[in-house]
Amino acid sequence: MKTILAALSMLVIASPFATLADEPLTFYTEHFPPYNYADNTGVTGLNTELLSLACKKAELVCNFELYPWLRAYENASKNSQGGLFSTSRNIHRERSFKWVGPLAHSTANMYRLKSRPEVNPHTLEEAKQFVVGVASGDIYEQYLLDQGFSYSENLLRLAAKASAVKLFLQSKVDLLIASELILPIWFAGHGVNVNAVEPVLDLSGIDANYLALNPAVPDAVVKKLQLALEEIKAGEQYKRLKEKYMHPPAITE
């Protein structure tokens, strides 16, 4: 079932897998292809399908809703049966949620345009000489602020991760944060070949995707989902999912 409320820019899909033993769960997410995004069928993506399979295996009712990131975060925090994905697990969020994962993720880097060799940081300290675009509420926003970056000097706050791409291609943002999997999709949406960029700083130790569940979700439900996820990731279904989304069609904002 899909419900579209245009005023809220929301898409909802209800999983057909139900059990009377547990309350329905609502998983909130953002437009972040190929992990989670909307198409003409509703909310989809690598981690959306992965969690849908985990719900089926755990015999849980799971609904998926798509919002801007901060709204998704707020909804998951307020809904006692809510969850948030694909989100990073760090010290700032650890006690605010119960965690299931890791989900699918890939190596992240800071990238520069090859046409701009002067943008050449070798460390995060050197990267402070340049402008980096970050989405409000994103894991990298908090990480860079913790490392001494600031909005008055070298950070540009954006509404969504992909919003940095156009500014980056116009050289209005010097460094772009992206994963190896997401970068080709973003660039395809702008008709640009991914060979136009190169990584300059490895950020792979920061980001891993999880499902963050509201603290009120029963521990038994969290355990069910974790066990189901681990079983799926160990099997052929997960391999097929990754193959399906490694080279998806371009998905624009």
Protein backbone atom coordinates (compact mmCIF):
# COMPACT_ATOMS: atom_id res chain seq x y z
CA MET A 1 0.00 0.00 0.00
CA LYS A 2 1.31 3.44 -0.85
CA THR A 3 0.08 6.74 0.57
CA ILE A 4 1.30 10.02 -0.90
CA LEU A 5 0.81 13.26 0.98
CA ALA A 6 2.21 15.89 -1.36
CA ALA A 7 2.10 18.64 1.23
CA LEU A 8 4.49 16.67 3.41
CA SER A 9 6.57 15.25 0.55
CA MET A 10 5.99 11.83 2.08
CA LEU A 11 5.83 8.37 0.56
CA VAL A 12 4.66 5.37 2.57
CA ILE A 13 4.82 1.68 1.82
CA ALA A 14 3.31 -0.90 4.16
CA SER A 15 4.98 -4.28 4.36
CA PRO A 16 2.56 -7.18 3.86
CA PHE A 17 4.19 -9.23 6.62
CA ALA A 18 2.14 -9.04 9.81
CA THR A 19 2.07 -10.63 13.21
CA LEU A 20 -0.21 -9.99 16.15
CA ALA A 21 2.68 -10.48 18.56
CA ASP A 22 4.36 -7.17 17.77
CA GLU A 23 3.24 -3.61 17.06
CA PRO A 24 3.82 -2.22 13.56
CA LEU A 25 7.14 -0.43 13.10
CA THR A 26 7.65 2.68 10.97
CA PHE A 27 11.08 3.19 9.47
CA TYR A 28 11.82 6.76 8.40
CA THR A 29 14.43 7.59 5.80
CA GLU A 30 15.63 10.26 3.38
CA HIS A 31 16.43 10.47 -0.33
CA PHE A 32 19.88 8.88 -0.33
CA PRO A 33 20.32 6.62 -3.36
CA PRO A 34 21.12 3.83 -3.82
CA TYR A 35 20.43 3.00 -0.16
CA ASN A 36 17.02 4.64 0.15
CA TYR A 37 15.00 6.74 -2.27
CA ALA A 38 11.60 7.03 -3.97
CA ASP A 39 10.60 5.83 -7.41
CA ASN A 40 7.21 5.26 -9.07
CA THR A 41 6.61 2.23 -6.82
CA GLY A 42 7.27 4.06 -3.56
CA VAL A 43 10.20 3.87 -1.15
CA THR A 44 12.94 1.55 -2.39
CA GLY A 45 16.72 1.15 -2.42
CA LEU A 46 19.35 -1.29 -1.23
CA ASN A 47 18.85 -0.80 2.51
CA THR A 48 15.08 -0.40 2.15
CA GLU A 49 14.86 -3.82 0.50
CA LEU A 50 17.32 -5.28 2.99
CA LEU A 51 15.20 -4.13 5.93
CA SER A 52 12.01 -5.27 4.24
CA LEU A 53 13.49 -8.76 3.96
CA ALA A 54 14.57 -8.62 7.61
CA CYS A 55 11.03 -7.67 8.64
CA LYS A 56 9.65 -10.58 6.64
CA LYS A 57 12.06 -13.03 8.25
CA ALA A 58 11.35 -11.63 11.73
CA GLU A 59 7.57 -11.68 11.05
CA LEU A 60 7.18 -7.98 11.82
CA VAL A 61 4.96 -5.31 10.25
CA CYS A 62 7.24 -2.62 8.84
CA ASN A 63 6.20 0.59 7.09
CA PHE A 64 8.63 2.85 5.23
CA GLU A 65 8.29 6.64 4.99
CA LEU A 66 10.46 9.13 3.11
CA TYR A 67 11.10 12.66 4.45
CA PRO A 68 13.83 15.28 4.48
CA TRP A 69 16.56 14.09 6.85
CA LEU A 70 15.83 16.28 9.88
CA ARG A 71 12.10 15.45 9.73
CA ALA A 72 12.89 11.74 9.47
CA TYR A 73 15.21 12.00 12.49
CA GLU A 74 12.58 13.88 14.50
CA ASN A 75 9.85 11.36 13.65
CA ALA A 76 11.98 8.40 14.67
CA SER A 77 12.84 10.14 17.94
CA LYS A 78 9.17 10.82 18.75
CA ASN A 79 7.51 7.63 17.51
CA SER A 80 7.80 4.86 20.12
CA GLN A 81 7.64 2.31 17.29
CA GLY A 82 9.85 4.32 14.96
CA GLY A 83 13.25 3.83 13.40
CA LEU A 84 15.68 5.77 11.22
CA PHE A 85 17.88 4.51 8.37
CA SER A 86 20.43 4.63 6.72
CA THR A 87 22.15 6.40 9.60
CA SER A 88 25.59 6.39 11.15
CA ARG A 89 26.20 5.22 14.68
CA ASN A 90 28.43 7.48 16.74
CA ILE A 91 29.01 8.73 20.27
CA HIS A 92 26.53 11.59 19.86
CA ARG A 93 23.68 9.26 18.87
CA GLU A 94 24.56 6.06 20.71
CA ARG A 95 22.26 6.52 23.72
CA SER A 96 19.41 8.07 21.76
CA PHE A 97 18.53 4.86 19.89
CA LYS A 98 18.71 1.08 19.87
CA TRP A 99 20.80 -0.16 16.96
CA VAL A 100 20.41 -2.82 14.27
CA GLY A 101 23.15 -3.34 11.72
CA PRO A 102 25.38 -2.66 10.07
CA LEU A 103 23.38 -2.30 6.86
CA ALA A 104 24.96 -1.92 3.42
CA HIS A 105 27.53 0.86 3.09
CA SER A 106 30.63 1.71 1.06
CA THR A 107 33.90 3.60 1.42
CA ALA A 108 33.55 7.38 1.78
CA ASN A 109 36.03 10.05 0.73
CA MET A 110 36.48 13.75 0.25
CA TYR A 111 36.74 14.34 -3.49
CA ARG A 112 38.15 17.16 -5.61
CA LEU A 113 37.68 17.98 -9.27
CA LYS A 114 40.71 16.87 -11.29
CA SER A 115 40.54 20.24 -13.00
CA ARG A 116 41.35 21.88 -9.65
CA PRO A 117 44.77 20.52 -8.58
CA GLU A 118 45.17 23.45 -6.19
CA VAL A 119 42.56 21.77 -3.95
CA ASN A 120 45.04 19.32 -2.49
CA PRO A 121 44.62 18.64 1.25
CA HIS A 122 46.52 15.69 2.71
CA THR A 123 44.99 15.98 6.18
CA LEU A 124 41.77 17.28 7.69
CA GLU A 125 43.72 20.21 9.07
CA GLU A 126 44.78 21.16 5.55
CA ALA A 127 41.19 20.64 4.34
CA LYS A 128 40.15 23.57 6.56
CA GLN A 129 41.59 25.87 3.87
CA PHE A 130 38.74 24.83 1.56
CA VAL A 131 34.93 24.91 1.54
CA VAL A 132 33.04 21.68 2.24
CA GLY A 133 29.28 21.28 1.78
CA VAL A 134 27.47 19.25 4.46
CA ALA A 135 23.82 18.44 5.03
CA SER A 136 22.26 19.79 8.19
CA GLY A 137 22.04 17.00 10.78
CA ASP A 138 24.28 14.68 8.79
CA ILE A 139 27.00 12.57 10.42
CA TYR A 140 29.71 14.45 8.55
CA GLU A 141 28.42 17.80 9.76
CA GLN A 142 28.95 16.73 13.36
CA TYR A 143 32.25 15.03 12.58
CA LEU A 144 33.75 18.07 10.88
CA LEU A 145 32.48 20.41 13.60
CA ASP A 146 34.15 18.14 16.16
CA GLN A 147 37.38 18.39 14.14
CA GLY A 148 37.36 22.19 14.31
CA PHE A 149 35.59 23.13 11.06
CA SER A 150 33.07 25.98 11.31
CA TYR A 151 30.27 27.55 9.28
CA SER A 152 31.93 30.93 9.52
CA GLU A 153 35.05 29.68 7.73
CA ASN A 154 34.91 26.43 5.77
CA LEU A 155 31.53 24.70 5.98
CA LEU A 156 28.46 25.32 3.87
CA ARG A 157 25.19 24.05 5.37
CA LEU A 158 22.86 22.37 2.88
CA ALA A 159 19.37 20.89 3.06
CA ALA A 160 20.40 17.51 1.59
CA LYS A 161 23.59 15.58 0.82
CA ALA A 162 23.09 15.67 -2.95
CA SER A 163 22.64 19.44 -2.90
CA ALA A 164 26.42 19.78 -2.73
CA VAL A 165 26.97 18.17 -6.14
CA LYS A 166 25.88 21.07 -8.36
CA LEU A 167 27.82 23.57 -6.23
CA PHE A 168 30.87 21.30 -6.35
CA LEU A 169 30.72 21.02 -10.14
CA GLN A 170 30.47 24.82 -10.31
CA SER A 171 33.54 25.11 -8.02
CA LYS A 172 31.44 26.91 -5.41
CA VAL A 173 32.25 24.05 -3.03
CA ASP A 174 35.85 22.81 -3.07
CA LEU A 175 35.48 19.34 -1.55
CA LEU A 176 32.64 16.86 -1.94
CA ILE A 177 31.94 14.10 0.57
CA ALA A 178 30.57 10.96 -1.08
CA SER A 179 30.86 7.20 -1.07
CA GLU A 180 32.22 5.13 -3.94
CA LEU A 181 28.74 3.75 -4.57
CA ILE A 182 26.79 7.01 -4.40
CA LEU A 183 29.17 9.25 -6.36
CA PRO A 184 28.48 7.73 -9.83
CA ILE A 185 24.72 8.01 -9.25
CA TRP A 186 24.94 11.66 -8.22
CA PHE A 187 27.14 12.53 -11.19
CA ALA A 188 24.96 10.65 -13.66
CA GLY A 189 22.08 12.87 -12.60
CA HIS A 190 24.14 15.86 -13.75
CA GLY A 191 25.44 14.22 -16.92
CA VAL A 192 29.02 14.19 -15.61
CA ASN A 193 31.48 11.30 -15.80
CA VAL A 194 32.78 10.16 -12.43
CA ASN A 195 36.31 10.25 -13.86
CA ALA A 196 36.15 14.04 -13.49
CA VAL A 197 36.96 13.67 -9.79
CA GLU A 198 39.49 11.96 -7.56
CA PRO A 199 39.60 11.18 -3.82
CA VAL A 200 41.92 13.22 -1.63
CA LEU A 201 40.98 12.18 1.93
CA ASP A 202 39.73 8.80 3.18
CA LEU A 203 36.71 9.05 5.50
CA SER A 204 35.90 5.34 5.57
CA GLY A 205 36.43 5.07 9.32
CA ILE A 206 33.54 7.41 10.06
CA ASP A 207 30.54 6.14 8.20
CA ALA A 208 28.63 2.86 8.51
CA ASN A 209 24.90 2.58 7.92
CA TYR A 210 22.54 1.33 10.63
CA LEU A 211 18.87 1.19 11.56
CA ALA A 212 18.42 3.38 14.63
CA LEU A 213 15.33 2.35 16.62
CA ASN A 214 13.45 4.44 19.15
CA PRO A 215 14.49 3.44 22.71
CA ALA A 216 10.89 2.38 23.42
CA VAL A 217 11.02 -0.43 20.84
CA PRO A 218 11.14 -3.68 22.86
CA ASP A 219 14.52 -5.39 23.11
CA ALA A 220 12.95 -8.61 21.83
CA VAL A 221 11.98 -6.85 18.59
CA VAL A 222 15.46 -5.36 18.24
CA LYS A 223 16.96 -8.82 18.67
CA LYS A 224 14.58 -10.33 16.10
CA LEU A 225 15.58 -7.75 13.53
CA GLN A 226 19.29 -8.09 14.25
CA LEU A 227 19.23 -11.87 13.91
CA ALA A 228 17.14 -11.69 10.74
CA LEU A 229 19.50 -9.12 9.23
CA GLU A 230 22.57 -11.21 10.01
CA GLU A 231 21.00 -14.30 8.42
CA ILE A 232 20.12 -12.39 5.25
CA LYS A 233 23.58 -10.79 4.95
CA ALA A 234 25.17 -14.24 5.21
CA GLY A 235 23.15 -15.61 2.27
CA GLU A 236 22.57 -15.26 -1.45
CA GLN A 237 19.71 -12.74 -1.11
CA TYR A 238 22.12 -10.07 0.09
CA LYS A 239 24.55 -10.76 -2.75
CA ARG A 240 21.75 -10.39 -5.26
CA LEU A 241 20.61 -7.12 -3.67
CA LYS A 242 24.11 -5.65 -3.86
CA GLU A 243 24.45 -6.70 -7.50
CA LYS A 244 21.08 -5.10 -8.28
CA TYR A 245 22.06 -1.73 -6.84
CA MET A 246 25.72 -1.52 -7.83
CA HIS A 247 24.82 0.00 -11.21
CA PRO A 248 21.27 1.35 -10.92
CA PRO A 249 19.85 4.00 -13.27
CA ALA A 250 20.55 7.62 -12.40
CA ILE A 251 18.31 8.87 -9.61
CA THR A 252 17.93 12.63 -9.37
CA GLU A 253 16.80 14.66 -6.40
